[in-house]
Structure formats: structure tokens, C-alpha cells
Amino acid sequence: MMLSASEQVRFHRKYTEAGEEPMKLCQENGISILEVMVAMVILGLGVLGLAPLVTISIYSNGFAGKLTAAEQVARRELEELVSQPTYGSLPFVSGPDSVGGRYLVTRQVDDNTTDAGVPSGVYKLHVLLQWTDDVNRLRNIDMVTYKPIL
């Protein structure tokens, strides 16, 4: 129901004189399209700010996977060295040998006669694994353990 202009004035005077708030013809309960657009722009800028983090995360996950694979190869080589019953003349050095077409592994065994830092009664077993990563940077894993001389 629409009120004519003269009825609106009378309605306004009636409630104003009574001390009440006049009825608004236009209710402003909500958000405007401009506010929605500004909010979307701010949200979009936030998402664009996170985009570089996604690429860094993907690269880091790939690098961690390759590093884990290399560590498993080095650990396997060290376990093979530990399982050998004898090593021949000391210092025993083997390698660098290619492993899996990607890694170079060097194995070395010392005792207290060839390395003063080794306690008596044990062998020092050392494995060095080297490879070149995706950006042609030389990487290596160096593992050392001790085995009792039986």
C-alpha cells in the first residue's frame, strides 16, 4: 500500500508530534553490492598472496621425497657393509660406485690402527652417498656406524 505525498506528510507529523519515530519508507538492513565487491577484492588479494606458498610447498615435498629415497639407499649400503664378515686389509675403501644410475657411493672401513679416532676393538664403517639434484647442486649423505671386531 503506497501513501500519497500528502498522506506521508500527515503520517510524519502525526508520529513526530507524538514523540515517536516516523516510519521509514526505505529500510537499510543489509549490505550493498559495493560492499560485497570490496570484500571479494580483498579475499582475492589474500588468495593471490598464498599462491607462491603453494608452489614452494610442492617443490619442498618433492625435494623431501628425493632426500628420503637417497637416505634409504645410503642406509641399505651401510647395512650391507655391516653384514660383511671380513673387510680384508684396512683401511678398506670401495668406490665410488654407481648405485641405481643416480647415486655414487663410497664405502670405507677403519679400525684404531688406521684411524686414531676409532676406539680399540671396533670397526668404523663409513658410507658416503653423493648425487646431483634437479638444479645441478651436489648433494651428499654421510653415514657412520661402529661394529665390534669379532
C-alpha atoms as a PDB file:
ATOM      1  CA  MET A   1       0.000   0.000   0.000  1.00  0.00           C
ATOM      2  CA  MET A   2       1.545   3.237  -1.188  1.00  0.00           C
ATOM      3  CA  LEU A   3       0.790   6.532   0.522  1.00  0.00           C
ATOM      4  CA  SER A   4       0.381   9.709  -1.475  1.00  0.00           C
ATOM      5  CA  ALA A   5       2.720  12.613  -0.758  1.00  0.00           C
ATOM      6  CA  SER A   6       0.145  14.472   1.358  1.00  0.00           C
ATOM      7  CA  GLU A   7      -0.628  11.317   3.362  1.00  0.00           C
ATOM      8  CA  GLN A   8       3.097  10.786   4.003  1.00  0.00           C
ATOM      9  CA  VAL A   9       3.427  14.322   5.375  1.00  0.00           C
ATOM     10  CA  ARG A  10       0.363  13.858   7.644  1.00  0.00           C
ATOM     11  CA  PHE A  11       1.704  10.457   8.808  1.00  0.00           C
ATOM     12  CA  HIS A  12       5.105  12.004   9.560  1.00  0.00           C
ATOM     13  CA  ARG A  13       3.554  14.934  11.522  1.00  0.00           C
ATOM     14  CA  LYS A  14       1.266  12.634  13.486  1.00  0.00           C
ATOM     15  CA  TYR A  15       4.129  10.461  14.796  1.00  0.00           C
ATOM     16  CA  THR A  16       6.588  13.340  15.203  1.00  0.00           C
ATOM     17  CA  GLU A  17       4.171  15.254  17.426  1.00  0.00           C
ATOM     18  CA  ALA A  18       3.515  12.125  19.486  1.00  0.00           C
ATOM     19  CA  GLY A  19       7.298  11.789  20.059  1.00  0.00           C
ATOM     20  CA  GLU A  20       7.564   8.551  18.141  1.00  0.00           C
ATOM     21  CA  GLU A  21       9.943   7.694  15.360  1.00  0.00           C
ATOM     22  CA  PRO A  22       8.343   8.134  11.921  1.00  0.00           C
ATOM     23  CA  MET A  23       8.164   5.055   9.734  1.00  0.00           C
ATOM     24  CA  LYS A  24      10.977   4.877   7.207  1.00  0.00           C
ATOM     25  CA  LEU A  25       9.952   4.276   3.659  1.00  0.00           C
ATOM     26  CA  CYS A  26      13.308   2.672   2.788  1.00  0.00           C
ATOM     27  CA  GLN A  27      14.811   0.065   5.113  1.00  0.00           C
ATOM     28  CA  GLU A  28      18.638  -0.217   5.041  1.00  0.00           C
ATOM     29  CA  ASN A  29      19.065  -3.654   6.602  1.00  0.00           C
ATOM     30  CA  GLY A  30      21.708  -5.452   4.562  1.00  0.00           C
ATOM     31  CA  ILE A  31      24.859  -4.972   2.566  1.00  0.00           C
ATOM     32  CA  SER A  32      25.210  -3.174  -0.701  1.00  0.00           C
ATOM     33  CA  ILE A  33      26.671  -4.619  -3.872  1.00  0.00           C
ATOM     34  CA  LEU A  34      29.639  -2.283  -3.472  1.00  0.00           C
ATOM     35  CA  GLU A  35      30.470  -3.730  -0.068  1.00  0.00           C
ATOM     36  CA  VAL A  36      30.236  -7.252  -1.489  1.00  0.00           C
ATOM     37  CA  MET A  37      32.590  -6.340  -4.350  1.00  0.00           C
ATOM     38  CA  VAL A  38      35.130  -4.760  -1.976  1.00  0.00           C
ATOM     39  CA  ALA A  39      35.029  -7.881   0.209  1.00  0.00           C
ATOM     40  CA  MET A  40      35.587 -10.098  -2.846  1.00  0.00           C
ATOM     41  CA  VAL A  41      38.577  -7.996  -3.972  1.00  0.00           C
ATOM     42  CA  ILE A  42      40.144  -8.246  -0.507  1.00  0.00           C
ATOM     43  CA  LEU A  43      39.550 -12.007  -0.424  1.00  0.00           C
ATOM     44  CA  GLY A  44      41.005 -12.376  -3.935  1.00  0.00           C
ATOM     45  CA  LEU A  45      44.163 -10.487  -2.966  1.00  0.00           C
ATOM     46  CA  GLY A  46      44.553 -12.758   0.047  1.00  0.00           C
ATOM     47  CA  VAL A  47      44.271 -15.864  -2.119  1.00  0.00           C
ATOM     48  CA  LEU A  48      46.795 -14.452  -4.613  1.00  0.00           C
ATOM     49  CA  GLY A  49      49.174 -13.840  -1.720  1.00  0.00           C
ATOM     50  CA  LEU A  50      49.025 -17.540  -0.832  1.00  0.00           C
ATOM     51  CA  ALA A  51      49.774 -18.770  -4.378  1.00  0.00           C
ATOM     52  CA  PRO A  52      53.599 -18.615  -4.036  1.00  0.00           C
ATOM     53  CA  LEU A  53      53.359 -20.672  -0.854  1.00  0.00           C
ATOM     54  CA  VAL A  54      51.645 -23.452  -2.774  1.00  0.00           C
ATOM     55  CA  THR A  55      54.468 -23.688  -5.327  1.00  0.00           C
ATOM     56  CA  ILE A  56      57.103 -23.632  -2.582  1.00  0.00           C
ATOM     57  CA  SER A  57      55.224 -26.376  -0.755  1.00  0.00           C
ATOM     58  CA  ILE A  58      55.065 -28.554  -3.871  1.00  0.00           C
ATOM     59  CA  TYR A  59      58.811 -28.120  -4.522  1.00  0.00           C
ATOM     60  CA  SER A  60      59.669 -28.831  -0.877  1.00  0.00           C
ATOM     61  CA  ASN A  61      57.595 -32.009  -0.838  1.00  0.00           C
ATOM     62  CA  GLY A  62      59.339 -33.254  -3.987  1.00  0.00           C
ATOM     63  CA  PHE A  63      62.771 -32.467  -2.567  1.00  0.00           C
ATOM     64  CA  ALA A  64      61.931 -34.209   0.716  1.00  0.00           C
ATOM     65  CA  GLY A  65      60.837 -37.310  -1.194  1.00  0.00           C
ATOM     66  CA  LYS A  66      64.103 -37.434  -3.145  1.00  0.00           C
ATOM     67  CA  LEU A  67      66.132 -36.880   0.018  1.00  0.00           C
ATOM     68  CA  THR A  68      64.279 -39.721   1.739  1.00  0.00           C
ATOM     69  CA  ALA A  69      64.965 -42.042  -1.210  1.00  0.00           C
ATOM     70  CA  ALA A  70      68.677 -41.162  -1.087  1.00  0.00           C
ATOM     71  CA  GLU A  71      68.777 -41.761   2.659  1.00  0.00           C
ATOM     72  CA  GLN A  72      67.231 -45.209   2.179  1.00  0.00           C
ATOM     73  CA  VAL A  73      69.906 -46.076  -0.401  1.00  0.00           C
ATOM     74  CA  ALA A  74      72.680 -44.909   1.956  1.00  0.00           C
ATOM     75  CA  ARG A  75      71.184 -46.858   4.874  1.00  0.00           C
ATOM     76  CA  ARG A  76      70.937 -50.013   2.731  1.00  0.00           C
ATOM     77  CA  GLU A  77      74.590 -49.638   1.677  1.00  0.00           C
ATOM     78  CA  LEU A  78      75.645 -49.205   5.320  1.00  0.00           C
ATOM     79  CA  GLU A  79      73.664 -52.298   6.358  1.00  0.00           C
ATOM     80  CA  GLU A  80      75.354 -54.321   3.593  1.00  0.00           C
ATOM     81  CA  LEU A  81      78.727 -53.120   4.875  1.00  0.00           C
ATOM     82  CA  VAL A  82      77.818 -54.110   8.452  1.00  0.00           C
ATOM     83  CA  SER A  83      76.708 -57.589   7.321  1.00  0.00           C
ATOM     84  CA  GLN A  84      80.095 -58.410   5.720  1.00  0.00           C
ATOM     85  CA  PRO A  85      82.085 -60.788   7.957  1.00  0.00           C
ATOM     86  CA  THR A  86      85.546 -59.511   6.917  1.00  0.00           C
ATOM     87  CA  TYR A  87      86.951 -56.489   5.131  1.00  0.00           C
ATOM     88  CA  GLY A  88      90.413 -57.589   4.019  1.00  0.00           C
ATOM     89  CA  SER A  89      93.286 -55.192   4.570  1.00  0.00           C
ATOM     90  CA  LEU A  90      92.495 -51.937   6.354  1.00  0.00           C
ATOM     91  CA  PRO A  91      91.752 -49.233   5.551  1.00  0.00           C
ATOM     92  CA  PHE A  92      89.146 -50.815   3.302  1.00  0.00           C
ATOM     93  CA  VAL A  93      87.904 -48.356   0.661  1.00  0.00           C
ATOM     94  CA  SER A  94      85.407 -49.228  -2.056  1.00  0.00           C
ATOM     95  CA  GLY A  95      84.077 -46.855  -4.668  1.00  0.00           C
ATOM     96  CA  PRO A  96      82.832 -44.532  -5.777  1.00  0.00           C
ATOM     97  CA  ASP A  97      80.414 -46.965  -7.389  1.00  0.00           C
ATOM     98  CA  SER A  98      77.236 -46.066  -9.246  1.00  0.00           C
ATOM     99  CA  VAL A  99      74.039 -47.148  -7.482  1.00  0.00           C
ATOM    100  CA  GLY A 100      70.736 -47.005  -9.305  1.00  0.00           C
ATOM    101  CA  GLY A 101      72.248 -44.874 -12.069  1.00  0.00           C
ATOM    102  CA  ARG A 102      71.748 -41.771  -9.934  1.00  0.00           C
ATOM    103  CA  TYR A 103      73.983 -42.059  -6.878  1.00  0.00           C
ATOM    104  CA  LEU A 104      77.693 -42.538  -6.268  1.00  0.00           C
ATOM    105  CA  VAL A 105      78.533 -44.463  -3.115  1.00  0.00           C
ATOM    106  CA  THR A 106      81.904 -44.725  -1.371  1.00  0.00           C
ATOM    107  CA  ARG A 107      82.411 -47.227   1.444  1.00  0.00           C
ATOM    108  CA  GLN A 108      85.255 -47.095   3.948  1.00  0.00           C
ATOM    109  CA  VAL A 109      86.197 -49.260   6.947  1.00  0.00           C
ATOM    110  CA  ASP A 110      88.805 -48.252   9.547  1.00  0.00           C
ATOM    111  CA  ASP A 111      89.978 -49.522  12.914  1.00  0.00           C
ATOM    112  CA  ASN A 112      92.229 -47.964  15.562  1.00  0.00           C
ATOM    113  CA  THR A 113      95.371 -48.808  13.549  1.00  0.00           C
ATOM    114  CA  THR A 114      94.270 -46.761  10.523  1.00  0.00           C
ATOM    115  CA  ASP A 115      92.294 -44.009  12.299  1.00  0.00           C
ATOM    116  CA  ALA A 116      93.392 -42.791  15.727  1.00  0.00           C
ATOM    117  CA  GLY A 117      89.864 -41.566  16.484  1.00  0.00           C
ATOM    118  CA  VAL A 118      88.434 -45.099  16.400  1.00  0.00           C
ATOM    119  CA  PRO A 119      88.250 -46.897  19.772  1.00  0.00           C
ATOM    120  CA  SER A 120      90.070 -50.237  20.015  1.00  0.00           C
ATOM    121  CA  GLY A 121      88.024 -53.368  19.409  1.00  0.00           C
ATOM    122  CA  VAL A 122      85.658 -51.851  16.837  1.00  0.00           C
ATOM    123  CA  TYR A 123      85.499 -51.109  13.145  1.00  0.00           C
ATOM    124  CA  LYS A 124      84.375 -47.688  11.971  1.00  0.00           C
ATOM    125  CA  LEU A 125      82.081 -48.126   8.948  1.00  0.00           C
ATOM    126  CA  HIS A 126      81.575 -45.073   6.778  1.00  0.00           C
ATOM    127  CA  VAL A 127      79.278 -44.650   3.746  1.00  0.00           C
ATOM    128  CA  LEU A 128      79.225 -41.509   1.614  1.00  0.00           C
ATOM    129  CA  LEU A 129      76.386 -41.183  -0.906  1.00  0.00           C
ATOM    130  CA  GLN A 130      76.576 -38.387  -3.497  1.00  0.00           C
ATOM    131  CA  TRP A 131      74.191 -37.215  -6.203  1.00  0.00           C
ATOM    132  CA  THR A 132      73.315 -34.134  -8.236  1.00  0.00           C
ATOM    133  CA  ASP A 133      69.851 -32.681  -7.611  1.00  0.00           C
ATOM    134  CA  ASP A 134      67.433 -31.119 -10.113  1.00  0.00           C
ATOM    135  CA  VAL A 135      69.228 -27.746 -10.063  1.00  0.00           C
ATOM    136  CA  ASN A 136      72.697 -29.335 -10.579  1.00  0.00           C
ATOM    137  CA  ARG A 137      73.725 -28.886  -6.959  1.00  0.00           C
ATOM    138  CA  LEU A 138      75.908 -31.622  -5.460  1.00  0.00           C
ATOM    139  CA  ARG A 139      74.218 -33.293  -2.502  1.00  0.00           C
ATOM    140  CA  ASN A 140      75.571 -35.938  -0.154  1.00  0.00           C
ATOM    141  CA  ILE A 141      74.610 -38.108   2.785  1.00  0.00           C
ATOM    142  CA  ASP A 142      77.344 -39.207   5.152  1.00  0.00           C
ATOM    143  CA  MET A 143      76.609 -42.151   7.487  1.00  0.00           C
ATOM    144  CA  VAL A 144      78.920 -43.646  10.100  1.00  0.00           C
ATOM    145  CA  THR A 145      78.458 -46.560  12.487  1.00  0.00           C
ATOM    146  CA  TYR A 146      80.664 -48.847  14.559  1.00  0.00           C
ATOM    147  CA  LYS A 147      80.872 -52.654  14.548  1.00  0.00           C
ATOM    148  CA  PRO A 148      82.678 -54.791  17.133  1.00  0.00           C
ATOM    149  CA  ILE A 149      85.710 -56.748  15.926  1.00  0.00           C
ATOM    150  CA  LEU A 150      84.958 -60.447  16.497  1.00  0.00           C
END
